[in-house]
Every structure is written in C-alpha cells, then in structure tokens.
Amino acid sequence: MHRLRAEEIAQSPEMKNVTYQGRQVYIQQVNDQSETARVYPIDEPSNEFDAQLSSLMENQ
C-alpha cells in the first residue's frame, strides 16, 4: 500500500477493508520514516503492532 493511501485511510471516519496477512486490520497511524503503520486486528483491538506498508492490502 502506498503511504499516502494509508494516511487517507487512517484519517477517514469510514471503516475500510484493509488486510495484513489475510486478517482485517484497522490503521491507527502511519510512520513516514519507517514506512510502517500502527495497526490492530479488528477482532483483537488490544493486539497493536507495526506493519510494513508494503504488506497492507486494501480490498475493494
């Protein structure tokens, strides 16, 4: 996923269908310097982690 799109999704009030390794995740914030995003699985909000932007997929 491109950094700008990840930032748009993180700032959007609408829930987007984004997956990481097959699991739907919520993007909290994007780190420009490391090209990562702070995410958590939708069904496990207490399990936050950093994911490479290249590993995030937006499903239409």
PDB file of N, CA and C in Angstrom:
ATOM      1  N   MET A   1       0.846  -1.173   0.000  1.00  0.00           N
ATOM      2  CA  MET A   1       0.000   0.000   0.000  1.00  0.00           C
ATOM      3  C   MET A   1       0.891   1.235   0.000  1.00  0.00           C
ATOM      4  N   HIS A   2       0.482   2.240  -0.751  1.00  0.00           N
ATOM      5  CA  HIS A   2       1.234   3.491  -0.777  1.00  0.00           C
ATOM      6  C   HIS A   2       1.005   4.269   0.520  1.00  0.00           C
ATOM      7  N   ARG A   3       2.029   4.983   0.936  1.00  0.00           N
ATOM      8  CA  ARG A   3       1.975   5.739   2.189  1.00  0.00           C
ATOM      9  C   ARG A   3       0.818   6.732   2.214  1.00  0.00           C
ATOM     10  N   LEU A   4       0.620   7.460   1.128  1.00  0.00           N
ATOM     11  CA  LEU A   4      -0.455   8.459   1.104  1.00  0.00           C
ATOM     12  C   LEU A   4      -1.828   7.820   1.265  1.00  0.00           C
ATOM     13  N   ARG A   5      -2.030   6.663   0.632  1.00  0.00           N
ATOM     14  CA  ARG A   5      -3.324   5.980   0.768  1.00  0.00           C
ATOM     15  C   ARG A   5      -3.510   5.491   2.197  1.00  0.00           C
ATOM     16  N   ALA A   6      -2.465   4.976   2.806  1.00  0.00           N
ATOM     17  CA  ALA A   6      -2.550   4.513   4.194  1.00  0.00           C
ATOM     18  C   ALA A   6      -2.905   5.680   5.118  1.00  0.00           C
ATOM     19  N   GLU A   7      -2.330   6.860   4.861  1.00  0.00           N
ATOM     20  CA  GLU A   7      -2.651   8.034   5.672  1.00  0.00           C
ATOM     21  C   GLU A   7      -4.112   8.451   5.481  1.00  0.00           C
ATOM     22  N   GLU A   8      -4.604   8.389   4.241  1.00  0.00           N
ATOM     23  CA  GLU A   8      -6.017   8.719   3.976  1.00  0.00           C
ATOM     24  C   GLU A   8      -6.934   7.784   4.744  1.00  0.00           C
ATOM     25  N   ILE A   9      -6.627   6.509   4.717  1.00  0.00           N
ATOM     26  CA  ILE A   9      -7.448   5.517   5.417  1.00  0.00           C
ATOM     27  C   ILE A   9      -7.409   5.761   6.922  1.00  0.00           C
ATOM     28  N   ALA A  10      -6.227   6.036   7.459  1.00  0.00           N
ATOM     29  CA  ALA A  10      -6.090   6.267   8.905  1.00  0.00           C
ATOM     30  C   ALA A  10      -6.905   7.480   9.352  1.00  0.00           C
ATOM     31  N   GLN A  11      -7.020   8.500   8.496  1.00  0.00           N
ATOM     32  CA  GLN A  11      -7.731   9.724   8.850  1.00  0.00           C
ATOM     33  C   GLN A  11      -9.222   9.671   8.512  1.00  0.00           C
ATOM     34  N   SER A  12      -9.630   8.679   7.754  1.00  0.00           N
ATOM     35  CA  SER A  12     -11.015   8.585   7.312  1.00  0.00           C
ATOM     36  C   SER A  12     -11.932   8.132   8.451  1.00  0.00           C
ATOM     37  N   PRO A  13     -13.115   8.745   8.568  1.00  0.00           N
ATOM     38  CA  PRO A  13     -14.071   8.290   9.579  1.00  0.00           C
ATOM     39  C   PRO A  13     -14.759   6.983   9.181  1.00  0.00           C
ATOM     40  N   GLU A  14     -14.637   6.601   7.901  1.00  0.00           N
ATOM     41  CA  GLU A  14     -15.259   5.368   7.420  1.00  0.00           C
ATOM     42  C   GLU A  14     -14.306   4.184   7.574  1.00  0.00           C
ATOM     43  N   MET A  15     -14.863   3.051   7.908  1.00  0.00           N
ATOM     44  CA  MET A  15     -14.076   1.830   8.039  1.00  0.00           C
ATOM     45  C   MET A  15     -13.749   1.296   6.645  1.00  0.00           C
ATOM     46  N   LYS A  16     -12.493   1.049   6.376  1.00  0.00           N
ATOM     47  CA  LYS A  16     -12.048   0.500   5.095  1.00  0.00           C
ATOM     48  C   LYS A  16     -11.634  -0.949   5.283  1.00  0.00           C
ATOM     49  N   ASN A  17     -11.730  -1.723   4.220  1.00  0.00           N
ATOM     50  CA  ASN A  17     -11.370  -3.138   4.269  1.00  0.00           C
ATOM     51  C   ASN A  17      -9.889  -3.295   3.950  1.00  0.00           C
ATOM     52  N   VAL A  18      -9.074  -3.271   4.999  1.00  0.00           N
ATOM     53  CA  VAL A  18      -7.621  -3.403   4.860  1.00  0.00           C
ATOM     54  C   VAL A  18      -7.200  -4.690   5.546  1.00  0.00           C
ATOM     55  N   THR A  19      -6.339  -5.453   4.872  1.00  0.00           N
ATOM     56  CA  THR A  19      -5.876  -6.701   5.461  1.00  0.00           C
ATOM     57  C   THR A  19      -4.356  -6.725   5.574  1.00  0.00           C
ATOM     58  N   TYR A  20      -3.902  -7.492   6.559  1.00  0.00           N
ATOM     59  CA  TYR A  20      -2.487  -7.772   6.773  1.00  0.00           C
ATOM     60  C   TYR A  20      -2.376  -9.273   6.990  1.00  0.00           C
ATOM     61  N   GLN A  21      -1.677  -9.950   6.118  1.00  0.00           N
ATOM     62  CA  GLN A  21      -1.526 -11.408   6.178  1.00  0.00           C
ATOM     63  C   GLN A  21      -2.884 -12.102   6.299  1.00  0.00           C
ATOM     64  N   GLY A  22      -3.854 -11.620   5.547  1.00  0.00           N
ATOM     65  CA  GLY A  22      -5.167 -12.245   5.499  1.00  0.00           C
ATOM     66  C   GLY A  22      -6.140 -11.843   6.593  1.00  0.00           C
ATOM     67  N   ARG A  23      -5.708 -11.044   7.546  1.00  0.00           N
ATOM     68  CA  ARG A  23      -6.587 -10.601   8.647  1.00  0.00           C
ATOM     69  C   ARG A  23      -6.963  -9.147   8.451  1.00  0.00           C
ATOM     70  N   GLN A  24      -8.227  -8.830   8.689  1.00  0.00           N
ATOM     71  CA  GLN A  24      -8.660  -7.445   8.562  1.00  0.00           C
ATOM     72  C   GLN A  24      -8.103  -6.643   9.733  1.00  0.00           C
ATOM     73  N   VAL A  25      -7.507  -5.480   9.398  1.00  0.00           N
ATOM     74  CA  VAL A  25      -6.881  -4.632  10.410  1.00  0.00           C
ATOM     75  C   VAL A  25      -7.392  -3.200  10.300  1.00  0.00           C
ATOM     76  N   TYR A  26      -7.201  -2.467  11.378  1.00  0.00           N
ATOM     77  CA  TYR A  26      -7.527  -1.052  11.455  1.00  0.00           C
ATOM     78  C   TYR A  26      -6.213  -0.281  11.518  1.00  0.00           C
ATOM     79  N   ILE A  27      -6.049   0.708  10.647  1.00  0.00           N
ATOM     80  CA  ILE A  27      -4.829   1.527  10.639  1.00  0.00           C
ATOM     81  C   ILE A  27      -5.013   2.699  11.602  1.00  0.00           C
ATOM     82  N   GLN A  28      -4.155   2.779  12.598  1.00  0.00           N
ATOM     83  CA  GLN A  28      -4.224   3.875  13.565  1.00  0.00           C
ATOM     84  C   GLN A  28      -3.416   5.081  13.118  1.00  0.00           C
ATOM     85  N   GLN A  29      -2.186   4.833  12.686  1.00  0.00           N
ATOM     86  CA  GLN A  29      -1.320   5.930  12.245  1.00  0.00           C
ATOM     87  C   GLN A  29      -0.242   5.371  11.335  1.00  0.00           C
ATOM     88  N   VAL A  30       0.367   6.273  10.577  1.00  0.00           N
ATOM     89  CA  VAL A  30       1.400   5.898   9.620  1.00  0.00           C
ATOM     90  C   VAL A  30       2.708   6.576  10.015  1.00  0.00           C
ATOM     91  N   ASN A  31       3.797   5.820   9.979  1.00  0.00           N
ATOM     92  CA  ASN A  31       5.124   6.350  10.267  1.00  0.00           C
ATOM     93  C   ASN A  31       5.835   6.546   8.934  1.00  0.00           C
ATOM     94  N   ASP A  32       6.001   7.806   8.536  1.00  0.00           N
ATOM     95  CA  ASP A  32       6.615   8.125   7.245  1.00  0.00           C
ATOM     96  C   ASP A  32       8.055   7.640   7.144  1.00  0.00           C
ATOM     97  N   GLN A  33       8.811   7.784   8.211  1.00  0.00           N
ATOM     98  CA  GLN A  33      10.237   7.461   8.163  1.00  0.00           C
ATOM     99  C   GLN A  33      10.508   5.967   8.006  1.00  0.00           C
ATOM    100  N   SER A  34       9.740   5.150   8.688  1.00  0.00           N
ATOM    101  CA  SER A  34       9.997   3.710   8.635  1.00  0.00           C
ATOM    102  C   SER A  34       9.100   2.979   7.634  1.00  0.00           C
ATOM    103  N   GLU A  35       8.192   3.723   6.974  1.00  0.00           N
ATOM    104  CA  GLU A  35       7.256   3.119   6.012  1.00  0.00           C
ATOM    105  C   GLU A  35       6.447   1.990   6.653  1.00  0.00           C
ATOM    106  N   THR A  36       6.009   2.253   7.895  1.00  0.00           N
ATOM    107  CA  THR A  36       5.164   1.291   8.606  1.00  0.00           C
ATOM    108  C   THR A  36       3.887   1.978   9.052  1.00  0.00           C
ATOM    109  N   ALA A  37       2.932   1.159   9.477  1.00  0.00           N
ATOM    110  CA  ALA A  37       1.685   1.672  10.033  1.00  0.00           C
ATOM    111  C   ALA A  37       1.404   0.951  11.340  1.00  0.00           C
ATOM    112  N   ARG A  38       0.875   1.684  12.302  1.00  0.00           N
ATOM    113  CA  ARG A  38       0.457   1.081  13.567  1.00  0.00           C
ATOM    114  C   ARG A  38      -0.951   0.553  13.338  1.00  0.00           C
ATOM    115  N   VAL A  39      -1.130  -0.740  13.479  1.00  0.00           N
ATOM    116  CA  VAL A  39      -2.415  -1.378  13.177  1.00  0.00           C
ATOM    117  C   VAL A  39      -2.818  -2.323  14.307  1.00  0.00           C
ATOM    118  N   TYR A  40      -4.079  -2.749  14.250  1.00  0.00           N
ATOM    119  CA  TYR A  40      -4.520  -3.845  15.116  1.00  0.00           C
ATOM    120  C   TYR A  40      -5.617  -4.618  14.389  1.00  0.00           C
ATOM    121  N   PRO A  41      -5.705  -5.931  14.646  1.00  0.00           N
ATOM    122  CA  PRO A  41      -6.769  -6.725  14.043  1.00  0.00           C
ATOM    123  C   PRO A  41      -8.132  -6.240  14.546  1.00  0.00           C
ATOM    124  N   ILE A  42      -9.107  -6.208  13.659  1.00  0.00           N
ATOM    125  CA  ILE A  42     -10.453  -5.742  14.008  1.00  0.00           C
ATOM    126  C   ILE A  42     -11.026  -6.526  15.180  1.00  0.00           C
ATOM    127  N   ASP A  43     -10.779  -7.822  15.208  1.00  0.00           N
ATOM    128  CA  ASP A  43     -11.343  -8.671  16.267  1.00  0.00           C
ATOM    129  C   ASP A  43     -10.456  -8.773  17.504  1.00  0.00           C
ATOM    130  N   GLU A  44      -9.349  -8.015  17.513  1.00  0.00           N
ATOM    131  CA  GLU A  44      -8.416  -8.069  18.638  1.00  0.00           C
ATOM    132  C   GLU A  44      -7.757  -6.701  18.850  1.00  0.00           C
ATOM    133  N   PRO A  45      -8.537  -5.679  19.259  1.00  0.00           N
ATOM    134  CA  PRO A  45      -8.009  -4.317  19.340  1.00  0.00           C
ATOM    135  C   PRO A  45      -6.866  -4.120  20.337  1.00  0.00           C
ATOM    136  N   SER A  46      -6.685  -5.015  21.264  1.00  0.00           N
ATOM    137  CA  SER A  46      -5.591  -4.851  22.227  1.00  0.00           C
ATOM    138  C   SER A  46      -4.259  -5.366  21.670  1.00  0.00           C
ATOM    139  N   ASN A  47      -4.268  -5.946  20.484  1.00  0.00           N
ATOM    140  CA  ASN A  47      -3.068  -6.519  19.878  1.00  0.00           C
ATOM    141  C   ASN A  47      -2.499  -5.580  18.818  1.00  0.00           C
ATOM    142  N   GLU A  48      -1.976  -4.424  19.239  1.00  0.00           N
ATOM    143  CA  GLU A  48      -1.404  -3.445  18.313  1.00  0.00           C
ATOM    144  C   GLU A  48       0.000  -3.864  17.900  1.00  0.00           C
ATOM    145  N   PHE A  49       0.337  -3.565  16.636  1.00  0.00           N
ATOM    146  CA  PHE A  49       1.685  -3.840  16.163  1.00  0.00           C
ATOM    147  C   PHE A  49       1.975  -2.956  14.953  1.00  0.00           C
ATOM    148  N   ASP A  50       3.250  -2.889  14.576  1.00  0.00           N
ATOM    149  CA  ASP A  50       3.670  -2.131  13.400  1.00  0.00           C
ATOM    150  C   ASP A  50       3.774  -3.086  12.225  1.00  0.00           C
ATOM    151  N   ALA A  51       3.198  -2.679  11.088  1.00  0.00           N
ATOM    152  CA  ALA A  51       3.234  -3.487   9.878  1.00  0.00           C
ATOM    153  C   ALA A  51       3.861  -2.674   8.749  1.00  0.00           C
ATOM    154  N   GLN A  52       4.644  -3.304   7.923  1.00  0.00           N
ATOM    155  CA  GLN A  52       5.191  -2.656   6.739  1.00  0.00           C
ATOM    156  C   GLN A  52       4.048  -2.256   5.818  1.00  0.00           C
ATOM    157  N   LEU A  53       4.107  -1.044   5.282  1.00  0.00           N
ATOM    158  CA  LEU A  53       3.053  -0.588   4.372  1.00  0.00           C
ATOM    159  C   LEU A  53       2.927  -1.517   3.168  1.00  0.00           C
ATOM    160  N   SER A  54       4.042  -2.060   2.720  1.00  0.00           N
ATOM    161  CA  SER A  54       4.014  -2.952   1.564  1.00  0.00           C
ATOM    162  C   SER A  54       3.246  -4.244   1.841  1.00  0.00           C
ATOM    163  N   SER A  55       3.020  -4.573   3.113  1.00  0.00           N
ATOM    164  CA  SER A  55       2.289  -5.779   3.482  1.00  0.00           C
ATOM    165  C   SER A  55       0.796  -5.560   3.670  1.00  0.00           C
ATOM    166  N   LEU A  56       0.366  -4.295   3.619  1.00  0.00           N
ATOM    167  CA  LEU A  56      -1.056  -3.981   3.792  1.00  0.00           C
ATOM    168  C   LEU A  56      -1.757  -3.975   2.439  1.00  0.00           C
ATOM    169  N   MET A  57      -2.939  -4.569   2.401  1.00  0.00           N
ATOM    170  CA  MET A  57      -3.713  -4.637   1.166  1.00  0.00           C
ATOM    171  C   MET A  57      -5.099  -4.039   1.414  1.00  0.00           C
ATOM    172  N   GLU A  58      -5.540  -3.174   0.485  1.00  0.00           N
ATOM    173  CA  GLU A  58      -6.897  -2.638   0.561  1.00  0.00           C
ATOM    174  C   GLU A  58      -7.759  -3.457  -0.387  1.00  0.00           C
ATOM    175  N   ASN A  59      -8.824  -4.027   0.143  1.00  0.00           N
ATOM    176  CA  ASN A  59      -9.748  -4.834  -0.641  1.00  0.00           C
ATOM    177  C   ASN A  59     -10.984  -4.012  -0.968  1.00  0.00           C
ATOM    178  N   GLN A  60     -11.280  -3.899  -2.228  1.00  0.00           N
ATOM    179  CA  GLN A  60     -12.425  -3.087  -2.662  1.00  0.00           C
ATOM    180  C   GLN A  60     -13.727  -3.818  -2.475  1.00  0.00           C
TER     181      GLN A  60
END
